[in-house]
Amino acid sequence: MNLVDIIPLARKNGLFIINNEIDLIEGLNDTFTFQPKVLAKHKLYLLLSKKNKKNKDIIKLFNKGLKLVKKLN
């Protein structure tokens, strides 16, 4: 079995993996800790072609969801 000491990952992403895939790995210790110090920050971008007419609707839907996420945080 290969062991990993650290994986730099957003806390929410790590919790998702732990909660959804942990039973797939036999013998894995179920004790996890999180580093409180932020290792890196990156901006995310949504890139869609203007040539595809469906993308206008996708952008509107994305922006609506983004506003909701910002409101909840």
Protein backbone atom coordinates (compact mmCIF):
# COMPACT_ATOMS: atom_id res chain seq x y z
CA MET A 1 0.00 0.00 0.00
CA ASN A 2 1.28 3.47 -0.89
CA LEU A 3 1.03 6.07 1.86
CA VAL A 4 0.65 9.80 1.39
CA ASP A 5 1.63 12.22 4.16
CA ILE A 6 0.04 15.32 2.70
CA ILE A 7 -2.20 16.33 -0.16
CA PRO A 8 -2.69 20.06 -0.82
CA LEU A 9 -6.40 20.31 -1.49
CA ALA A 10 -9.22 22.67 -0.62
CA ARG A 11 -10.86 21.58 2.64
CA LYS A 12 -14.29 21.10 1.01
CA ASN A 13 -12.79 18.96 -1.74
CA GLY A 14 -10.89 16.85 0.77
CA LEU A 15 -14.01 16.30 2.87
CA PHE A 16 -15.93 15.28 -0.24
CA ILE A 17 -13.30 12.67 -1.12
CA ILE A 18 -13.14 11.38 2.46
CA ASN A 19 -16.93 11.11 2.72
CA ASN A 20 -17.49 9.54 -0.69
CA GLU A 21 -14.47 7.39 -1.46
CA ILE A 22 -12.84 6.42 1.82
CA ASP A 23 -14.52 3.01 1.92
CA LEU A 24 -12.84 2.16 -1.39
CA ILE A 25 -9.39 2.17 0.21
CA GLU A 26 -8.77 -0.83 2.47
CA GLY A 27 -6.83 -0.37 5.68
CA LEU A 28 -6.76 3.41 5.51
CA ASN A 29 -6.63 5.16 8.85
CA ASP A 30 -9.82 7.18 9.22
CA THR A 31 -8.12 9.95 11.18
CA PHE A 32 -7.50 13.04 9.09
CA THR A 33 -6.17 16.44 10.04
CA PHE A 34 -6.26 19.73 8.21
CA GLN A 35 -3.48 22.28 8.04
CA PRO A 36 -4.91 25.64 9.15
CA LYS A 37 -2.34 27.61 7.14
CA VAL A 38 -3.34 28.31 3.53
CA LEU A 39 -0.64 26.95 1.23
CA ALA A 40 -1.77 28.73 -1.94
CA LYS A 41 -4.64 30.76 -3.37
CA HIS A 42 -5.67 30.62 -7.00
CA LYS A 43 -8.37 32.39 -8.95
CA LEU A 44 -10.73 30.27 -11.00
CA TYR A 45 -12.09 31.26 -14.39
CA LEU A 46 -14.94 30.00 -16.52
CA LEU A 47 -14.04 29.99 -20.20
CA LEU A 48 -16.75 29.46 -22.80
CA SER A 49 -16.74 30.12 -26.52
CA LYS A 50 -18.94 32.98 -27.73
CA LYS A 51 -19.45 31.01 -30.95
CA ASN A 52 -21.69 28.49 -29.19
CA LYS A 53 -25.09 30.12 -28.72
CA LYS A 54 -25.96 27.80 -25.80
CA ASN A 55 -23.10 29.31 -23.80
CA LYS A 56 -25.03 32.55 -23.22
CA ASP A 57 -27.57 30.58 -21.21
CA ILE A 58 -24.81 28.69 -19.42
CA ILE A 59 -23.11 31.98 -18.47
CA LYS A 60 -26.39 33.38 -17.11
CA LEU A 61 -26.97 30.21 -15.08
CA PHE A 62 -23.38 30.21 -13.82
CA ASN A 63 -23.58 33.87 -12.77
CA LYS A 64 -26.86 33.21 -10.96
CA GLY A 65 -25.26 30.31 -9.06
CA LEU A 66 -22.16 32.37 -8.31
CA LYS A 67 -24.28 35.13 -6.78
CA LEU A 68 -25.99 32.52 -4.61
CA VAL A 69 -22.67 31.07 -3.44
CA LYS A 70 -21.33 34.53 -2.62
CA LYS A 71 -24.52 35.31 -0.69
CA LEU A 72 -24.20 32.10 1.36
CA ASN A 73 -20.55 32.78 2.21
